[in-house]
N, C-alpha and C. Protein backbone atom coordinates (compact mmCIF):
# COMPACT_ATOMS: atom_id res chain seq x y z
N MET A 1 13.82 -19.98 -6.90
CA MET A 1 13.67 -20.95 -5.83
C MET A 1 14.19 -20.35 -4.51
N GLN A 2 15.29 -19.61 -4.60
CA GLN A 2 15.84 -19.01 -3.38
C GLN A 2 14.92 -17.92 -2.83
N VAL A 3 14.29 -17.16 -3.70
CA VAL A 3 13.38 -16.10 -3.24
C VAL A 3 12.17 -16.72 -2.55
N LEU A 4 11.62 -17.78 -3.13
CA LEU A 4 10.49 -18.45 -2.48
C LEU A 4 10.91 -19.06 -1.15
N GLY A 5 12.14 -19.53 -1.07
CA GLY A 5 12.66 -20.03 0.20
C GLY A 5 12.73 -18.94 1.24
N LEU A 6 13.12 -17.74 0.82
CA LEU A 6 13.16 -16.60 1.75
C LEU A 6 11.75 -16.22 2.21
N VAL A 7 10.79 -16.22 1.28
CA VAL A 7 9.40 -15.92 1.64
C VAL A 7 8.93 -16.92 2.69
N LEU A 8 9.22 -18.19 2.47
CA LEU A 8 8.83 -19.23 3.42
C LEU A 8 9.51 -19.03 4.78
N ALA A 9 10.81 -18.79 4.77
CA ALA A 9 11.55 -18.65 6.03
C ALA A 9 11.09 -17.43 6.82
N PHE A 10 10.95 -16.29 6.15
CA PHE A 10 10.52 -15.09 6.86
C PHE A 10 9.07 -15.20 7.31
N GLY A 11 8.23 -15.80 6.49
CA GLY A 11 6.83 -15.99 6.88
C GLY A 11 6.70 -16.90 8.08
N ASN A 12 7.44 -18.00 8.07
CA ASN A 12 7.40 -18.92 9.22
C ASN A 12 7.93 -18.25 10.48
N PHE A 13 8.98 -17.44 10.32
CA PHE A 13 9.51 -16.73 11.48
C PHE A 13 8.48 -15.75 12.04
N MET A 14 7.83 -15.02 11.15
CA MET A 14 6.85 -14.02 11.60
C MET A 14 5.63 -14.67 12.24
N ASN A 15 5.23 -15.85 11.76
CA ASN A 15 4.04 -16.53 12.29
C ASN A 15 4.36 -17.50 13.41
N GLY A 16 5.62 -17.84 13.60
CA GLY A 16 6.00 -18.84 14.59
C GLY A 16 5.75 -18.36 16.01
N GLY A 17 5.23 -19.25 16.82
CA GLY A 17 5.06 -18.95 18.23
C GLY A 17 3.88 -18.05 18.55
N ASN A 18 3.09 -17.71 17.58
CA ASN A 18 1.91 -16.89 17.82
C ASN A 18 0.87 -17.74 18.53
N ARG A 19 0.38 -17.28 19.66
CA ARG A 19 -0.55 -18.08 20.45
C ARG A 19 -1.86 -18.36 19.72
N SER A 20 -2.34 -17.40 18.96
CA SER A 20 -3.63 -17.60 18.31
C SER A 20 -3.53 -18.44 17.04
N ARG A 21 -2.39 -18.38 16.34
CA ARG A 21 -2.27 -19.09 15.06
C ARG A 21 -1.33 -20.27 15.13
N GLY A 22 -0.46 -20.29 16.09
CA GLY A 22 0.51 -21.38 16.18
C GLY A 22 1.57 -21.28 15.09
N GLN A 23 2.34 -22.32 14.94
CA GLN A 23 3.39 -22.34 13.92
C GLN A 23 2.77 -22.63 12.56
N ALA A 24 3.02 -21.76 11.60
CA ALA A 24 2.53 -21.96 10.23
C ALA A 24 3.71 -22.30 9.34
N ASP A 25 3.75 -23.51 8.83
CA ASP A 25 4.84 -23.93 7.97
C ASP A 25 4.36 -23.97 6.52
N GLY A 26 4.73 -22.96 5.77
CA GLY A 26 4.35 -22.90 4.36
C GLY A 26 3.51 -21.68 4.06
N PHE A 27 3.20 -21.54 2.78
CA PHE A 27 2.35 -20.43 2.35
C PHE A 27 1.68 -20.79 1.05
N ALA A 28 0.57 -20.13 0.78
CA ALA A 28 -0.13 -20.30 -0.50
C ALA A 28 0.37 -19.22 -1.46
N LEU A 29 0.32 -19.50 -2.74
CA LEU A 29 0.83 -18.56 -3.73
C LEU A 29 0.06 -17.24 -3.73
N ASP A 30 -1.17 -17.25 -3.26
CA ASP A 30 -1.94 -16.00 -3.25
C ASP A 30 -1.39 -14.97 -2.27
N ILE A 31 -0.43 -15.37 -1.43
CA ILE A 31 0.19 -14.44 -0.49
C ILE A 31 1.22 -13.54 -1.18
N LEU A 32 1.77 -13.98 -2.30
CA LEU A 32 2.87 -13.25 -2.93
C LEU A 32 2.52 -11.79 -3.26
N PRO A 33 1.36 -11.49 -3.84
CA PRO A 33 1.06 -10.07 -4.11
C PRO A 33 0.88 -9.23 -2.83
N LYS A 34 0.66 -9.89 -1.71
CA LYS A 34 0.42 -9.17 -0.46
C LYS A 34 1.70 -8.83 0.30
N LEU A 35 2.85 -9.31 -0.18
CA LEU A 35 4.11 -9.05 0.52
C LEU A 35 4.41 -7.56 0.60
N LYS A 36 3.96 -6.81 -0.39
CA LYS A 36 4.21 -5.36 -0.39
C LYS A 36 3.35 -4.65 0.65
N ASP A 37 2.29 -5.29 1.12
CA ASP A 37 1.39 -4.67 2.09
C ASP A 37 1.84 -4.88 3.54
N VAL A 38 2.75 -5.83 3.78
CA VAL A 38 3.25 -6.08 5.13
C VAL A 38 4.36 -5.06 5.39
N LYS A 39 4.12 -4.15 6.30
CA LYS A 39 5.05 -3.02 6.54
C LYS A 39 5.84 -3.20 7.83
N SER A 40 6.99 -2.55 7.85
CA SER A 40 7.82 -2.54 9.05
C SER A 40 7.15 -1.68 10.12
N SER A 41 7.66 -1.74 11.34
CA SER A 41 7.04 -0.98 12.43
C SER A 41 7.10 0.53 12.18
N ASP A 42 8.10 1.00 11.43
CA ASP A 42 8.17 2.43 11.11
C ASP A 42 7.44 2.77 9.82
N ASN A 43 6.83 1.76 9.19
CA ASN A 43 6.04 1.93 7.98
C ASN A 43 6.87 2.44 6.79
N MET A 44 8.18 2.25 6.85
CA MET A 44 9.06 2.73 5.79
C MET A 44 9.42 1.64 4.79
N HIS A 45 9.34 0.38 5.19
CA HIS A 45 9.76 -0.72 4.33
C HIS A 45 8.68 -1.78 4.30
N SER A 46 8.61 -2.49 3.20
CA SER A 46 7.68 -3.61 3.10
C SER A 46 8.44 -4.91 3.21
N LEU A 47 7.72 -5.99 3.44
CA LEU A 47 8.35 -7.30 3.49
C LEU A 47 8.96 -7.64 2.13
N LEU A 48 8.31 -7.22 1.07
CA LEU A 48 8.84 -7.46 -0.27
C LEU A 48 10.19 -6.78 -0.45
N SER A 49 10.30 -5.51 -0.07
CA SER A 49 11.58 -4.81 -0.23
C SER A 49 12.66 -5.43 0.65
N TYR A 50 12.29 -5.92 1.83
CA TYR A 50 13.26 -6.57 2.71
C TYR A 50 13.76 -7.87 2.08
N ILE A 51 12.84 -8.66 1.53
CA ILE A 51 13.23 -9.92 0.91
C ILE A 51 14.16 -9.67 -0.28
N VAL A 52 13.84 -8.67 -1.09
CA VAL A 52 14.69 -8.34 -2.25
C VAL A 52 16.07 -7.90 -1.79
N SER A 53 16.14 -7.01 -0.80
CA SER A 53 17.44 -6.54 -0.34
C SER A 53 18.23 -7.67 0.32
N TYR A 54 17.57 -8.54 1.05
CA TYR A 54 18.24 -9.69 1.67
C TYR A 54 18.79 -10.62 0.60
N TYR A 55 17.99 -10.87 -0.43
CA TYR A 55 18.44 -11.73 -1.53
C TYR A 55 19.67 -11.13 -2.21
N LEU A 56 19.61 -9.84 -2.52
CA LEU A 56 20.74 -9.20 -3.20
C LEU A 56 22.00 -9.24 -2.34
N LYS A 57 21.84 -9.07 -1.05
CA LYS A 57 23.00 -9.03 -0.15
C LYS A 57 23.59 -10.42 0.08
N HIS A 58 22.76 -11.44 0.19
CA HIS A 58 23.24 -12.76 0.59
C HIS A 58 23.32 -13.81 -0.52
N PHE A 59 22.61 -13.62 -1.63
CA PHE A 59 22.56 -14.66 -2.65
C PHE A 59 23.08 -14.23 -4.03
N ASP A 60 22.98 -12.97 -4.36
CA ASP A 60 23.37 -12.51 -5.69
C ASP A 60 24.82 -12.05 -5.66
N GLU A 61 25.70 -12.89 -6.17
CA GLU A 61 27.13 -12.58 -6.14
C GLU A 61 27.49 -11.40 -7.05
N ASP A 62 26.66 -11.13 -8.04
CA ASP A 62 26.94 -10.06 -8.99
C ASP A 62 26.23 -8.75 -8.64
N ALA A 63 25.52 -8.70 -7.52
CA ALA A 63 24.77 -7.49 -7.16
C ALA A 63 25.72 -6.29 -7.07
N GLY A 64 25.34 -5.22 -7.73
CA GLY A 64 26.12 -3.99 -7.70
C GLY A 64 27.30 -3.99 -8.66
N LYS A 65 27.47 -5.04 -9.44
CA LYS A 65 28.57 -5.12 -10.41
C LYS A 65 28.03 -4.95 -11.82
N ASP A 66 28.93 -4.70 -12.76
CA ASP A 66 28.53 -4.57 -14.16
C ASP A 66 27.98 -5.87 -14.72
N THR A 67 28.36 -7.00 -14.13
CA THR A 67 27.91 -8.30 -14.62
C THR A 67 26.52 -8.66 -14.11
N CYS A 68 25.95 -7.83 -13.28
CA CYS A 68 24.63 -8.09 -12.70
C CYS A 68 23.56 -8.07 -13.80
N VAL A 69 22.70 -9.06 -13.78
CA VAL A 69 21.62 -9.15 -14.76
C VAL A 69 20.30 -9.20 -14.02
N TYR A 70 19.41 -8.32 -14.35
CA TYR A 70 18.07 -8.32 -13.78
C TYR A 70 17.09 -8.63 -14.90
N PRO A 71 16.76 -9.90 -15.06
CA PRO A 71 15.86 -10.26 -16.17
C PRO A 71 14.45 -9.74 -15.92
N LEU A 72 14.05 -8.83 -16.74
CA LEU A 72 12.71 -8.27 -16.65
C LEU A 72 11.88 -8.76 -17.83
N PRO A 73 10.65 -9.13 -17.59
CA PRO A 73 9.83 -9.57 -18.71
C PRO A 73 9.51 -8.41 -19.65
N GLU A 74 9.28 -8.75 -20.89
CA GLU A 74 8.88 -7.73 -21.86
C GLU A 74 7.47 -7.26 -21.51
N PRO A 75 7.18 -5.97 -21.70
CA PRO A 75 5.84 -5.46 -21.38
C PRO A 75 4.73 -6.23 -22.08
N GLN A 76 4.95 -6.63 -23.33
CA GLN A 76 3.94 -7.38 -24.06
C GLN A 76 3.66 -8.72 -23.39
N ASP A 77 4.71 -9.35 -22.86
CA ASP A 77 4.53 -10.63 -22.16
C ASP A 77 3.70 -10.45 -20.90
N LEU A 78 3.93 -9.35 -20.18
CA LEU A 78 3.13 -9.07 -18.98
C LEU A 78 1.66 -8.86 -19.35
N PHE A 79 1.44 -8.12 -20.44
CA PHE A 79 0.07 -7.87 -20.88
C PHE A 79 -0.62 -9.18 -21.24
N GLN A 80 0.07 -10.03 -22.00
CA GLN A 80 -0.52 -11.30 -22.40
C GLN A 80 -0.81 -12.18 -21.19
N ALA A 81 0.08 -12.19 -20.23
CA ALA A 81 -0.14 -12.99 -19.02
C ALA A 81 -1.35 -12.47 -18.23
N SER A 82 -1.53 -11.15 -18.20
CA SER A 82 -2.65 -10.59 -17.46
C SER A 82 -3.99 -10.88 -18.12
N GLN A 83 -3.97 -11.19 -19.42
CA GLN A 83 -5.20 -11.47 -20.16
C GLN A 83 -5.61 -12.94 -20.10
N MET A 84 -4.76 -13.77 -19.53
CA MET A 84 -5.03 -15.21 -19.51
C MET A 84 -6.17 -15.52 -18.56
N LYS A 85 -7.04 -16.40 -19.02
CA LYS A 85 -8.16 -16.84 -18.20
C LYS A 85 -7.80 -18.19 -17.60
N PHE A 86 -7.92 -18.30 -16.28
CA PHE A 86 -7.53 -19.53 -15.60
C PHE A 86 -8.40 -20.71 -16.01
N GLU A 87 -9.64 -20.45 -16.39
CA GLU A 87 -10.50 -21.54 -16.84
C GLU A 87 -9.91 -22.18 -18.10
N ASP A 88 -9.42 -21.34 -19.04
CA ASP A 88 -8.81 -21.87 -20.25
C ASP A 88 -7.53 -22.64 -19.92
N PHE A 89 -6.77 -22.12 -18.98
CA PHE A 89 -5.54 -22.77 -18.57
C PHE A 89 -5.83 -24.14 -17.97
N GLU A 90 -6.83 -24.20 -17.10
CA GLU A 90 -7.20 -25.47 -16.49
C GLU A 90 -7.70 -26.46 -17.53
N LYS A 91 -8.45 -25.96 -18.50
CA LYS A 91 -8.95 -26.80 -19.59
C LYS A 91 -7.78 -27.39 -20.38
N ASP A 92 -6.80 -26.56 -20.69
CA ASP A 92 -5.61 -27.04 -21.42
C ASP A 92 -4.85 -28.07 -20.60
N LEU A 93 -4.73 -27.84 -19.29
CA LEU A 93 -4.03 -28.80 -18.42
C LEU A 93 -4.76 -30.15 -18.38
N ARG A 94 -6.10 -30.11 -18.30
CA ARG A 94 -6.86 -31.35 -18.31
C ARG A 94 -6.65 -32.11 -19.62
N LYS A 95 -6.63 -31.39 -20.74
CA LYS A 95 -6.41 -32.01 -22.03
C LYS A 95 -5.02 -32.63 -22.11
N LEU A 96 -4.02 -31.91 -21.60
CA LEU A 96 -2.65 -32.46 -21.60
C LEU A 96 -2.57 -33.72 -20.74
N ARG A 97 -3.22 -33.69 -19.57
CA ARG A 97 -3.22 -34.87 -18.70
C ARG A 97 -3.86 -36.06 -19.40
N LYS A 98 -4.98 -35.78 -20.07
CA LYS A 98 -5.69 -36.85 -20.78
C LYS A 98 -4.82 -37.38 -21.91
N ASP A 99 -4.14 -36.51 -22.65
CA ASP A 99 -3.27 -36.95 -23.75
C ASP A 99 -2.09 -37.76 -23.22
N LEU A 100 -1.56 -37.39 -22.07
CA LEU A 100 -0.42 -38.11 -21.50
C LEU A 100 -0.82 -39.50 -21.02
N ASN A 101 -2.04 -39.61 -20.53
CA ASN A 101 -2.51 -40.92 -20.05
C ASN A 101 -2.87 -41.79 -21.22
């Protein structure tokens, strides 16, 4: 939740006051994979790396300590998630909604 809050805050800051686009409050989830493509003026850092470093510096009390935990998904879980078809997911959601009603 805090990372998404940072994406929102930095995105709003970057888009705020732009004459052609105006103030943009919020973002769509499809922007998340594109964070790595937004580069700094020296082209050395991405917005994604900045958000991660900001989070570690300001929100993660255990960053850099032995107690630090970086939960990474299992490779098999990533593979299974990549194979999921959104049509099937939407179908399952519709069925769940119907069952709940």
